[in-house]
Amino acid sequence: ETFELAVEGPDLVSLQGRQASLEGTGEITLRRLVKEALRM
């Protein structure tokens, strides 16, 4: 949800969620990120 894992490595991708905008759009949930991570 928020970057916490202080991990470094030669082949590492770190993703974090995003809260919705003032209009209530643009939110990125952990469920969405897990699905996207599988494509990486």
Full PDB file with SEQRES, HELIX, SHEET, SSBOND, CRYST1, ORIGX, SCALE, CONECT and MASTER records, all heavy atoms in Angstrom:
SEQRES   1 A   40  GLU THR PHE GLU LEU ALA VAL GLU GLY PRO ASP LEU VAL          
SEQRES   2 A   40  SER LEU GLN GLY ARG GLN ALA SER LEU GLU GLY THR GLY          
SEQRES   3 A   40  GLU ILE THR LEU ARG ARG LEU VAL LYS GLU ALA LEU ARG          
SEQRES   4 A   40  MET                                                          
HELIX    1 AA1 LEU A   30  ALA A   37  1                                   8    
CRYST1    1.000    1.000    1.000  90.00  90.00  90.00 P 1           1          
ORIGX1      1.000000  0.000000  0.000000        0.00000                         
ORIGX2      0.000000  1.000000  0.000000        0.00000                         
ORIGX3      0.000000  0.000000  1.000000        0.00000                         
SCALE1      1.000000  0.000000  0.000000        0.00000                         
SCALE2      0.000000  1.000000  0.000000        0.00000                         
SCALE3      0.000000  0.000000  1.000000        0.00000                         
ATOM      1  N   GLU A   1       0.840  -1.195   0.000  1.00  0.00           N  
ATOM      2  CA  GLU A   1       0.000   0.000   0.000  1.00  0.00           C  
ATOM      3  C   GLU A   1       0.873   1.242   0.000  1.00  0.00           C  
ATOM      4  O   GLU A   1       0.595   2.221  -0.682  1.00  0.00           O  
ATOM      5  CB  GLU A   1      -0.925  -0.002   1.222  1.00  0.00           C  
ATOM      6  CG  GLU A   1      -2.121  -0.935   1.091  1.00  0.00           C  
ATOM      7  CD  GLU A   1      -3.136  -0.713   2.181  1.00  0.00           C  
ATOM      8  OE1 GLU A   1      -2.795  -0.070   3.197  1.00  0.00           O  
ATOM      9  OE2 GLU A   1      -4.279  -1.174   2.029  1.00  0.00           O  
ATOM     10  N   THR A   2       1.917   1.221   0.810  1.00  0.00           N  
ATOM     11  CA  THR A   2       2.910   2.288   0.873  1.00  0.00           C  
ATOM     12  C   THR A   2       4.279   1.639   0.974  1.00  0.00           C  
ATOM     13  O   THR A   2       4.449   0.663   1.710  1.00  0.00           O  
ATOM     14  CB  THR A   2       2.685   3.187   2.104  1.00  0.00           C  
ATOM     15  OG1 THR A   2       1.371   3.728   2.053  1.00  0.00           O  
ATOM     16  CG2 THR A   2       3.689   4.325   2.129  1.00  0.00           C  
ATOM     17  N   PHE A   3       5.247   2.151   0.236  1.00  0.00           N  
ATOM     18  CA  PHE A   3       6.583   1.564   0.264  1.00  0.00           C  
ATOM     19  C   PHE A   3       7.126   1.497   1.689  1.00  0.00           C  
ATOM     20  O   PHE A   3       7.242   2.510   2.376  1.00  0.00           O  
ATOM     21  CB  PHE A   3       7.543   2.381  -0.602  1.00  0.00           C  
ATOM     22  CG  PHE A   3       7.261   2.299  -2.074  1.00  0.00           C  
ATOM     23  CD1 PHE A   3       7.218   3.451  -2.850  1.00  0.00           C  
ATOM     24  CD2 PHE A   3       7.025   1.085  -2.682  1.00  0.00           C  
ATOM     25  CE1 PHE A   3       6.966   3.384  -4.208  1.00  0.00           C  
ATOM     26  CE2 PHE A   3       6.773   1.001  -4.048  1.00  0.00           C  
ATOM     27  CZ  PHE A   3       6.735   2.154  -4.806  1.00  0.00           C  
ATOM     28  N   GLU A   4       7.452   0.295   2.144  1.00  0.00           N  
ATOM     29  CA  GLU A   4       8.063   0.096   3.453  1.00  0.00           C  
ATOM     30  C   GLU A   4       9.274  -0.816   3.381  1.00  0.00           C  
ATOM     31  O   GLU A   4      10.227  -0.653   4.137  1.00  0.00           O  
ATOM     32  CB  GLU A   4       7.046  -0.507   4.440  1.00  0.00           C  
ATOM     33  CG  GLU A   4       5.887   0.395   4.783  1.00  0.00           C  
ATOM     34  CD  GLU A   4       4.985  -0.237   5.838  1.00  0.00           C  
ATOM     35  OE1 GLU A   4       5.503  -0.680   6.880  1.00  0.00           O  
ATOM     36  OE2 GLU A   4       3.766  -0.310   5.618  1.00  0.00           O  
ATOM     37  N   LEU A   5       9.230  -1.802   2.511  1.00  0.00           N  
ATOM     38  CA  LEU A   5      10.297  -2.793   2.430  1.00  0.00           C  
ATOM     39  C   LEU A   5      11.556  -2.160   1.837  1.00  0.00           C  
ATOM     40  O   LEU A   5      11.597  -1.844   0.657  1.00  0.00           O  
ATOM     41  CB  LEU A   5       9.859  -3.983   1.582  1.00  0.00           C  
ATOM     42  CG  LEU A   5       8.733  -4.828   2.175  1.00  0.00           C  
ATOM     43  CD1 LEU A   5       8.204  -5.809   1.135  1.00  0.00           C  
ATOM     44  CD2 LEU A   5       9.219  -5.567   3.411  1.00  0.00           C  
ATOM     45  N   ALA A   6      12.554  -1.979   2.664  1.00  0.00           N  
ATOM     46  CA  ALA A   6      13.811  -1.376   2.207  1.00  0.00           C  
ATOM     47  C   ALA A   6      14.705  -2.484   1.666  1.00  0.00           C  
ATOM     48  O   ALA A   6      15.683  -2.891   2.296  1.00  0.00           O  
ATOM     49  CB  ALA A   6      14.477  -0.630   3.346  1.00  0.00           C  
ATOM     50  N   VAL A   7      14.363  -2.980   0.492  1.00  0.00           N  
ATOM     51  CA  VAL A   7      15.098  -4.096  -0.113  1.00  0.00           C  
ATOM     52  C   VAL A   7      15.804  -3.597  -1.367  1.00  0.00           C  
ATOM     53  O   VAL A   7      15.230  -2.857  -2.167  1.00  0.00           O  
ATOM     54  CB  VAL A   7      14.146  -5.251  -0.475  1.00  0.00           C  
ATOM     55  CG1 VAL A   7      14.927  -6.423  -1.054  1.00  0.00           C  
ATOM     56  CG2 VAL A   7      13.366  -5.698   0.752  1.00  0.00           C  
ATOM     57  N   GLU A   8      17.047  -3.991  -1.512  1.00  0.00           N  
ATOM     58  CA  GLU A   8      17.808  -3.643  -2.705  1.00  0.00           C  
ATOM     59  C   GLU A   8      18.273  -4.922  -3.389  1.00  0.00           C  
ATOM     60  O   GLU A   8      18.568  -5.918  -2.730  1.00  0.00           O  
ATOM     61  CB  GLU A   8      19.018  -2.773  -2.340  1.00  0.00           C  
ATOM     62  CG  GLU A   8      18.641  -1.434  -1.716  1.00  0.00           C  
ATOM     63  CD  GLU A   8      19.862  -0.618  -1.360  1.00  0.00           C  
ATOM     64  OE1 GLU A   8      20.988  -1.140  -1.532  1.00  0.00           O  
ATOM     65  OE2 GLU A   8      19.707   0.528  -0.898  1.00  0.00           O  
ATOM     66  N   GLY A   9      18.310  -4.891  -4.705  1.00  0.00           N  
ATOM     67  CA  GLY A   9      18.746  -6.062  -5.447  1.00  0.00           C  
ATOM     68  C   GLY A   9      18.921  -5.741  -6.915  1.00  0.00           C  
ATOM     69  O   GLY A   9      18.415  -4.721  -7.398  1.00  0.00           O  
ATOM     70  N   PRO A  10      19.625  -6.590  -7.635  1.00  0.00           N  
ATOM     71  CA  PRO A  10      19.877  -6.329  -9.051  1.00  0.00           C  
ATOM     72  C   PRO A  10      18.651  -6.492  -9.931  1.00  0.00           C  
ATOM     73  O   PRO A  10      18.608  -5.961 -11.035  1.00  0.00           O  
ATOM     74  CB  PRO A  10      20.952  -7.369  -9.406  1.00  0.00           C  
ATOM     75  CG  PRO A  10      20.725  -8.485  -8.431  1.00  0.00           C  
ATOM     76  CD  PRO A  10      20.283  -7.820  -7.167  1.00  0.00           C  
ATOM     77  N   ASP A  11      17.624  -7.213  -9.452  1.00  0.00           N  
ATOM     78  CA  ASP A  11      16.432  -7.466 -10.259  1.00  0.00           C  
ATOM     79  C   ASP A  11      15.203  -7.358  -9.374  1.00  0.00           C  
ATOM     80  O   ASP A  11      14.613  -8.358  -8.966  1.00  0.00           O  
ATOM     81  CB  ASP A  11      16.518  -8.852 -10.908  1.00  0.00           C  
ATOM     82  CG  ASP A  11      15.574  -8.996 -12.100  1.00  0.00           C  
ATOM     83  OD1 ASP A  11      14.813  -8.044 -12.372  1.00  0.00           O  
ATOM     84  OD2 ASP A  11      15.597 -10.053 -12.748  1.00  0.00           O  
ATOM     85  N   LEU A  12      14.830  -6.134  -9.061  1.00  0.00           N  
ATOM     86  CA  LEU A  12      13.765  -5.871  -8.091  1.00  0.00           C  
ATOM     87  C   LEU A  12      12.815  -4.820  -8.638  1.00  0.00           C  
ATOM     88  O   LEU A  12      13.240  -3.791  -9.164  1.00  0.00           O  
ATOM     89  CB  LEU A  12      14.370  -5.391  -6.766  1.00  0.00           C  
ATOM     90  CG  LEU A  12      13.400  -4.932  -5.681  1.00  0.00           C  
ATOM     91  CD1 LEU A  12      12.673  -6.123  -5.086  1.00  0.00           C  
ATOM     92  CD2 LEU A  12      14.149  -4.169  -4.588  1.00  0.00           C  
ATOM     93  N   VAL A  13      11.512  -5.091  -8.532  1.00  0.00           N  
ATOM     94  CA  VAL A  13      10.481  -4.122  -8.896  1.00  0.00           C  
ATOM     95  C   VAL A  13       9.591  -3.905  -7.679  1.00  0.00           C  
ATOM     96  O   VAL A  13       9.090  -4.878  -7.098  1.00  0.00           O  
ATOM     97  CB  VAL A  13       9.617  -4.605 -10.078  1.00  0.00           C  
ATOM     98  CG1 VAL A  13       8.519  -3.589 -10.385  1.00  0.00           C  
ATOM     99  CG2 VAL A  13      10.483  -4.832 -11.310  1.00  0.00           C  
ATOM    100  N   SER A  14       9.395  -2.660  -7.283  1.00  0.00           N  
ATOM    101  CA  SER A  14       8.555  -2.335  -6.130  1.00  0.00           C  
ATOM    102  C   SER A  14       7.340  -1.537  -6.594  1.00  0.00           C  
ATOM    103  O   SER A  14       7.485  -0.517  -7.269  1.00  0.00           O  
ATOM    104  CB  SER A  14       9.343  -1.519  -5.102  1.00  0.00           C  
ATOM    105  OG  SER A  14      10.457  -2.251  -4.631  1.00  0.00           O  
ATOM    106  N   LEU A  15       6.154  -2.007  -6.234  1.00  0.00           N  
ATOM    107  CA  LEU A  15       4.900  -1.359  -6.605  1.00  0.00           C  
ATOM    108  C   LEU A  15       4.170  -0.912  -5.343  1.00  0.00           C  
ATOM    109  O   LEU A  15       4.205  -1.600  -4.326  1.00  0.00           O  
ATOM    110  CB  LEU A  15       4.007  -2.322  -7.390  1.00  0.00           C  
ATOM    111  CG  LEU A  15       4.596  -3.009  -8.623  1.00  0.00           C  
ATOM    112  CD1 LEU A  15       3.595  -4.010  -9.185  1.00  0.00           C  
ATOM    113  CD2 LEU A  15       4.979  -1.986  -9.680  1.00  0.00           C  
ATOM    114  N   GLN A  16       3.490   0.219  -5.433  1.00  0.00           N  
ATOM    115  CA  GLN A  16       2.657   0.660  -4.322  1.00  0.00           C  
ATOM    116  C   GLN A  16       1.308   1.151  -4.833  1.00  0.00           C  
ATOM    117  O   GLN A  16       1.178   1.582  -5.982  1.00  0.00           O  
ATOM    118  CB  GLN A  16       3.330   1.752  -3.496  1.00  0.00           C  
ATOM    119  CG  GLN A  16       3.386   3.119  -4.128  1.00  0.00           C  
ATOM    120  CD  GLN A  16       3.853   4.210  -3.159  1.00  0.00           C  
ATOM    121  OE1 GLN A  16       3.996   3.983  -1.971  1.00  0.00           O  
ATOM    122  NE2 GLN A  16       4.088   5.406  -3.679  1.00  0.00           N  
ATOM    123  N   GLY A  17       0.316   1.057  -3.968  1.00  0.00           N  
ATOM    124  CA  GLY A  17      -1.029   1.482  -4.330  1.00  0.00           C  
ATOM    125  C   GLY A  17      -1.155   2.984  -4.416  1.00  0.00           C  
ATOM    126  O   GLY A  17      -0.216   3.733  -4.115  1.00  0.00           O  
ATOM    127  N   ARG A  18      -2.331   3.433  -4.825  1.00  0.00           N  
ATOM    128  CA  ARG A  18      -2.584   4.869  -4.946  1.00  0.00           C  
ATOM    129  C   ARG A  18      -3.998   5.157  -4.468  1.00  0.00           C  
ATOM    130  O   ARG A  18      -4.934   4.434  -4.812  1.00  0.00           O  
ATOM    131  CB  ARG A  18      -2.415   5.302  -6.404  1.00  0.00           C  
ATOM    132  CG  ARG A  18      -2.522   6.809  -6.613  1.00  0.00           C  
ATOM    133  CD  ARG A  18      -2.163   7.176  -8.036  1.00  0.00           C  
ATOM    134  NE  ARG A  18      -3.150   6.672  -8.989  1.00  0.00           N  
ATOM    135  CZ  ARG A  18      -2.953   6.592 -10.296  1.00  0.00           C  
ATOM    136  NH1 ARG A  18      -1.782   6.937 -10.801  1.00  0.00           N  
ATOM    137  NH2 ARG A  18      -3.900   6.149 -11.100  1.00  0.00           N  
ATOM    138  N   GLN A  19      -4.144   6.199  -3.671  1.00  0.00           N  
ATOM    139  CA  GLN A  19      -5.455   6.570  -3.190  1.00  0.00           C  
ATOM    140  C   GLN A  19      -6.233   7.288  -4.284  1.00  0.00           C  
ATOM    141  O   GLN A  19      -5.651   7.810  -5.248  1.00  0.00           O  
ATOM    142  CB  GLN A  19      -5.336   7.454  -1.941  1.00  0.00           C  
ATOM    143  CG  GLN A  19      -4.686   8.792  -2.180  1.00  0.00           C  
ATOM    144  CD  GLN A  19      -4.461   9.593  -0.905  1.00  0.00           C  
ATOM    145  OE1 GLN A  19      -3.450  10.244  -0.734  1.00  0.00           O  
ATOM    146  NE2 GLN A  19      -5.400   9.560   0.012  1.00  0.00           N  
ATOM    147  N   ALA A  20      -7.532   7.307  -4.143  1.00  0.00           N  
ATOM    148  CA  ALA A  20      -8.384   7.940  -5.146  1.00  0.00           C  
ATOM    149  C   ALA A  20      -8.172   9.448  -5.162  1.00  0.00           C  
ATOM    150  O   ALA A  20      -7.767  10.055  -4.171  1.00  0.00           O  
ATOM    151  CB  ALA A  20      -9.844   7.611  -4.863  1.00  0.00           C  
ATOM    152  N   SER A  21      -8.444  10.061  -6.306  1.00  0.00           N  
ATOM    153  CA  SER A  21      -8.335  11.508  -6.443  1.00  0.00           C  
ATOM    154  C   SER A  21      -9.530  12.179  -5.774  1.00  0.00           C  
ATOM    155  O   SER A  21     -10.428  11.518  -5.241  1.00  0.00           O  
ATOM    156  CB  SER A  21      -8.292  11.889  -7.921  1.00  0.00           C  
ATOM    157  OG  SER A  21      -9.534  11.568  -8.538  1.00  0.00           O  
ATOM    158  N   LEU A  22      -9.554  13.502  -5.816  1.00  0.00           N  
ATOM    159  CA  LEU A  22     -10.679  14.237  -5.247  1.00  0.00           C  
ATOM    160  C   LEU A  22     -11.987  13.881  -5.937  1.00  0.00           C  
ATOM    161  O   LEU A  22     -13.062  13.968  -5.345  1.00  0.00           O  
ATOM    162  CB  LEU A  22     -10.430  15.750  -5.371  1.00  0.00           C  
ATOM    163  CG  LEU A  22      -9.338  16.318  -4.457  1.00  0.00           C  
ATOM    164  CD1 LEU A  22      -9.040  17.760  -4.831  1.00  0.00           C  
ATOM    165  CD2 LEU A  22      -9.753  16.220  -2.995  1.00  0.00           C  
ATOM    166  N   GLU A  23     -11.893  13.461  -7.204  1.00  0.00           N  
ATOM    167  CA  GLU A  23     -13.091  13.072  -7.948  1.00  0.00           C  
ATOM    168  C   GLU A  23     -13.488  11.619  -7.680  1.00  0.00           C  
ATOM    169  O   GLU A  23     -14.468  11.115  -8.233  1.00  0.00           O  
ATOM    170  CB  GLU A  23     -12.877  13.260  -9.451  1.00  0.00           C  
ATOM    171  CG  GLU A  23     -12.706  14.709  -9.890  1.00  0.00           C  
ATOM    172  CD  GLU A  23     -11.316  15.249  -9.575  1.00  0.00           C  
ATOM    173  OE1 GLU A  23     -10.384  14.411  -9.409  1.00  0.00           O  
ATOM    174  OE2 GLU A  23     -11.163  16.472  -9.462  1.00  0.00           O  
ATOM    175  N   GLY A  24     -12.703  10.925  -6.850  1.00  0.00           N  
ATOM    176  CA  GLY A  24     -13.010   9.542  -6.540  1.00  0.00           C  
ATOM    177  C   GLY A  24     -12.518   8.554  -7.569  1.00  0.00           C  
ATOM    178  O   GLY A  24     -12.929   7.386  -7.569  1.00  0.00           O  
ATOM    179  N   THR A  25     -11.624   8.967  -8.442  1.00  0.00           N  
ATOM    180  CA  THR A  25     -11.097   8.087  -9.490  1.00  0.00           C  
ATOM    181  C   THR A  25      -9.591   7.893  -9.310  1.00  0.00           C  
ATOM    182  O   THR A  25      -8.938   8.622  -8.560  1.00  0.00           O  
ATOM    183  CB  THR A  25     -11.376   8.672 -10.883  1.00  0.00           C  
ATOM    184  OG1 THR A  25     -10.717   9.956 -10.991  1.00  0.00           O  
ATOM    185  CG2 THR A  25     -12.870   8.856 -11.104  1.00  0.00           C  
ATOM    186  N   GLY A  26      -9.059   6.924 -10.038  1.00  0.00           N  
ATOM    187  CA  GLY A  26      -7.614   6.721 -10.061  1.00  0.00           C  
ATOM    188  C   GLY A  26      -7.054   5.852  -8.955  1.00  0.00           C  
ATOM    189  O   GLY A  26      -5.831   5.689  -8.863  1.00  0.00           O  
ATOM    190  N   GLU A  27      -7.914   5.264  -8.136  1.00  0.00           N  
ATOM    191  CA  GLU A  27      -7.409   4.411  -7.057  1.00  0.00           C  
ATOM    192  C   GLU A  27      -6.799   3.134  -7.624  1.00  0.00           C  
ATOM    193  O   GLU A  27      -7.328   2.529  -8.554  1.00  0.00           O  
ATOM    194  CB  GLU A  27      -8.534   4.053  -6.092  1.00  0.00           C  
ATOM    195  CG  GLU A  27      -8.067   3.189  -4.922  1.00  0.00           C  
ATOM    196  CD  GLU A  27      -9.200   2.773  -4.012  1.00  0.00           C  
ATOM    197  OE1 GLU A  27     -10.376   2.886  -4.425  1.00  0.00           O  
ATOM    198  OE2 GLU A  27      -8.912   2.327  -2.878  1.00  0.00           O  
ATOM    199  N   ILE A  28      -5.666   2.737  -7.045  1.00  0.00           N  
ATOM    200  CA  ILE A  28      -5.024   1.474  -7.405  1.00  0.00           C  
ATOM    201  C   ILE A  28      -4.916   0.640  -6.139  1.00  0.00           C  
ATOM    202  O   ILE A  28      -4.231   1.019  -5.189  1.00  0.00           O  
ATOM    203  CB  ILE A  28      -3.633   1.694  -8.023  1.00  0.00           C  
ATOM    204  CG1 ILE A  28      -3.751   2.509  -9.313  1.00  0.00           C  
ATOM    205  CG2 ILE A  28      -2.962   0.355  -8.315  1.00  0.00           C  
ATOM    206  CD1 ILE A  28      -2.424   2.810  -9.966  1.00  0.00           C  
ATOM    207  N   THR A  29      -5.613  -0.494  -6.113  1.00  0.00           N  
ATOM    208  CA  THR A  29      -5.676  -1.346  -4.928  1.00  0.00           C  
ATOM    209  C   THR A  29      -4.594  -2.420  -4.951  1.00  0.00           C  
ATOM    210  O   THR A  29      -3.972  -2.685  -5.988  1.00  0.00           O  
ATOM    211  CB  THR A  29      -7.051  -2.022  -4.834  1.00  0.00           C  
ATOM    212  OG1 THR A  29      -7.200  -2.913  -5.953  1.00  0.00           O  
ATOM    213  CG2 THR A  29      -8.171  -0.981  -4.848  1.00  0.00           C  
ATOM    214  N   LEU A  30      -4.412  -3.059  -3.815  1.00  0.00           N  
ATOM    215  CA  LEU A  30      -3.469  -4.168  -3.744  1.00  0.00           C  
ATOM    216  C   LEU A  30      -3.895  -5.314  -4.649  1.00  0.00           C  
ATOM    217  O   LEU A  30      -3.053  -5.991  -5.251  1.00  0.00           O  
ATOM    218  CB  LEU A  30      -3.347  -4.665  -2.301  1.00  0.00           C  
ATOM    219  CG  LEU A  30      -2.485  -3.833  -1.346  1.00  0.00           C  
ATOM    220  CD1 LEU A  30      -2.453  -4.485   0.027  1.00  0.00           C  
ATOM    221  CD2 LEU A  30      -1.069  -3.680  -1.873  1.00  0.00           C  
ATOM    222  N   ARG A  31      -5.197  -5.547  -4.768  1.00  0.00           N  
ATOM    223  CA  ARG A  31      -5.671  -6.623  -5.633  1.00  0.00           C  
ATOM    224  C   ARG A  31      -5.234  -6.377  -7.079  1.00  0.00           C  
ATOM    225  O   ARG A  31      -4.790  -7.289  -7.771  1.00  0.00           O  
ATOM    226  CB  ARG A  31      -7.198  -6.737  -5.553  1.00  0.00           C  
ATOM    227  CG  ARG A  31      -7.735  -7.093  -4.185  1.00  0.00           C  
ATOM    228  CD  ARG A  31      -9.148  -7.613  -4.276  1.00  0.00           C  
ATOM    229  NE  ARG A  31      -9.202  -8.875  -4.993  1.00  0.00           N  
ATOM    230  CZ  ARG A  31     -10.316  -9.519  -5.309  1.00  0.00           C  
ATOM    231  NH1 ARG A  31     -11.485  -8.996  -4.980  1.00  0.00           N  
ATOM    232  NH2 ARG A  31     -10.274 -10.667  -5.958  1.00  0.00           N  
ATOM    233  N   ARG A  32      -5.345  -5.150  -7.521  1.00  0.00           N  
ATOM    234  CA  ARG A  32      -4.925  -4.804  -8.880  1.00  0.00           C  
ATOM    235  C   ARG A  32      -3.411  -4.992  -9.028  1.00  0.00           C  
ATOM    236  O   ARG A  32      -2.925  -5.518 -10.046  1.00  0.00           O  
ATOM    237  CB  ARG A  32      -5.321  -3.354  -9.181  1.00  0.00           C  
ATOM    238  CG  ARG A  32      -4.736  -2.778 -10.455  1.00  0.00           C  
ATOM    239  CD  ARG A  32      -5.369  -3.333 -11.705  1.00  0.00           C  
ATOM    240  NE  ARG A  32      -4.767  -2.776 -12.896  1.00  0.00           N  
ATOM    241  CZ  ARG A  32      -5.110  -1.597 -13.435  1.00  0.00           C  
ATOM    242  NH1 ARG A  32      -6.061  -0.851 -12.878  1.00  0.00           N  
ATOM    243  NH2 ARG A  32      -4.525  -1.168 -14.542  1.00  0.00           N  
ATOM    244  N   LEU A  33      -2.667  -4.580  -8.019  1.00  0.00           N  
ATOM    245  CA  LEU A  33      -1.215  -4.669  -8.097  1.00  0.00           C  
ATOM    246  C   LEU A  33      -0.729  -6.120  -8.134  1.00  0.00           C  
ATOM    247  O   LEU A  33       0.232  -6.444  -8.833  1.00  0.00           O  
ATOM    248  CB  LEU A  33      -0.578  -3.936  -6.917  1.00  0.00           C  
ATOM    249  CG  LEU A  33      -0.688  -2.406  -6.924  1.00  0.00           C  
ATOM    250  CD1 LEU A  33      -0.079  -1.825  -5.664  1.00  0.00           C  
ATOM    251  CD2 LEU A  33      -0.016  -1.817  -8.158  1.00  0.00           C  
ATOM    252  N   VAL A  34      -1.383  -6.999  -7.369  1.00  0.00           N  
ATOM    253  CA  VAL A  34      -0.991  -8.413  -7.389  1.00  0.00           C  
ATOM    254  C   VAL A  34      -1.168  -8.992  -8.790  1.00  0.00           C  
ATOM    255  O   VAL A  34      -0.303  -9.711  -9.307  1.00  0.00           O  
ATOM    256  CB  VAL A  34      -1.811  -9.214  -6.362  1.00  0.00           C  
ATOM    257  CG1 VAL A  34      -1.573 -10.714  -6.543  1.00  0.00           C  
ATOM    258  CG2 VAL A  34      -1.440  -8.800  -4.943  1.00  0.00           C  
ATOM    259  N   LYS A  35      -2.279  -8.649  -9.420  1.00  0.00           N  
ATOM    260  CA  LYS A  35      -2.531  -9.148 -10.783  1.00  0.00           C  
ATOM    261  C   LYS A  35      -1.513  -8.587 -11.767  1.00  0.00           C  
ATOM    262  O   LYS A  35      -1.034  -9.298 -12.658  1.00  0.00           O  
ATOM    263  CB  LYS A  35      -3.953  -8.778 -11.203  1.00  0.00           C  
ATOM    264  CG  LYS A  35      -5.034  -9.466 -10.379  1.00  0.00           C  
ATOM    265  CD  LYS A  35      -6.416  -8.918 -10.686  1.00  0.00           C  
ATOM    266  CE  LYS A  35      -7.468  -9.555  -9.788  1.00  0.00           C  
ATOM    267  NZ  LYS A  35      -8.813  -8.973  -9.968  1.00  0.00           N  
ATOM    268  N   GLU A  36      -1.180  -7.313 -11.622  1.00  0.00           N  
ATOM    269  CA  GLU A  36      -0.188  -6.708 -12.511  1.00  0.00           C  
ATOM    270  C   GLU A  36       1.199  -7.306 -12.276  1.00  0.00           C  
ATOM    271  O   GLU A  36       1.978  -7.485 -13.215  1.00  0.00           O  
ATOM    272  CB  GLU A  36      -0.144  -5.192 -12.306  1.00  0.00           C  
ATOM    273  CG  GLU A  36      -1.427  -4.459 -12.659  1.00  0.00           C  
ATOM    274  CD  GLU A  36      -1.792  -4.580 -14.124  1.00  0.00           C  
ATOM    275  OE1 GLU A  36      -0.871  -4.726 -14.954  1.00  0.00           O  
ATOM    276  OE2 GLU A  36      -3.004  -4.539 -14.438  1.00  0.00           O  
ATOM    277  N   ALA A  37       1.507  -7.595 -11.017  1.00  0.00           N  
ATOM    278  CA  ALA A  37       2.826  -8.144 -10.686  1.00  0.00           C  
ATOM    279  C   ALA A  37       3.062  -9.490 -11.367  1.00  0.00           C  
ATOM    280  O   ALA A  37       4.194  -9.817 -11.755  1.00  0.00           O  
ATOM    281  CB  ALA A  37       2.970  -8.285  -9.172  1.00  0.00           C  
ATOM    282  N   LEU A  38       2.003 -10.274 -11.531  1.00  0.00           N  
ATOM    283  CA  LEU A  38       2.146 -11.581 -12.167  1.00  0.00           C  
ATOM    284  C   LEU A  38       2.548 -11.468 -13.634  1.00  0.00           C  
ATOM    285  O   LEU A  38       3.044 -12.430 -14.224  1.00  0.00           O  
ATOM    286  CB  LEU A  38       0.846 -12.369 -12.045  1.00  0.00           C  
ATOM    287  CG  LEU A  38       0.524 -12.902 -10.641  1.00  0.00           C  
ATOM    288  CD1 LEU A  38      -0.853 -13.529 -10.617  1.00  0.00           C  
ATOM    289  CD2 LEU A  38       1.588 -13.900 -10.201  1.00  0.00           C  
ATOM    290  N   ARG A  39       2.317 -10.303 -14.233  1.00  0.00           N  
ATOM    291  CA  ARG A  39       2.691 -10.085 -15.635  1.00  0.00           C  
ATOM    292  C   ARG A  39       4.140  -9.628 -15.773  1.00  0.00           C  
ATOM    293  O   ARG A  39       4.597  -9.346 -16.883  1.00  0.00           O  
ATOM    294  CB  ARG A  39       1.759  -9.057 -16.271  1.00  0.00           C  
ATOM    295  CG  ARG A  39       0.287  -9.489 -16.279  1.00  0.00           C  
ATOM    296  CD  ARG A  39      -0.562  -8.492 -17.057  1.00  0.00           C  
ATOM    297  NE  ARG A  39      -1.935  -8.938 -17.174  1.00  0.00           N  
ATOM    298  CZ  ARG A  39      -2.947  -8.510 -16.422  1.00  0.00           C  
ATOM    299  NH1 ARG A  39      -2.696  -7.606 -15.481  1.00  0.00           N  
ATOM    300  NH2 ARG A  39      -4.163  -8.954 -16.590  1.00  0.00           N  
ATOM    301  N   MET A  40       4.843  -9.517 -14.667  1.00  0.00           N  
ATOM    302  CA  MET A  40       6.208  -8.994 -14.681  1.00  0.00           C  
ATOM    303  C   MET A  40       7.264 -10.093 -14.532  1.00  0.00           C  
ATOM    304  O   MET A  40       8.404  -9.805 -14.173  1.00  0.00           O  
ATOM    305  CB  MET A  40       6.381  -7.952 -13.559  1.00  0.00           C  
ATOM    306  CG  MET A  40       5.500  -6.741 -13.721  1.00  0.00           C  
ATOM    307  SD  MET A  40       5.778  -5.535 -12.414  1.00  0.00           S  
ATOM    308  CE  MET A  40       4.679  -4.213 -12.941  1.00  0.00           C  
TER     309      MET A  40                                                      
MASTER        0    0    0    1    0    0    0    6  308    1    0    4          
END                                                                             
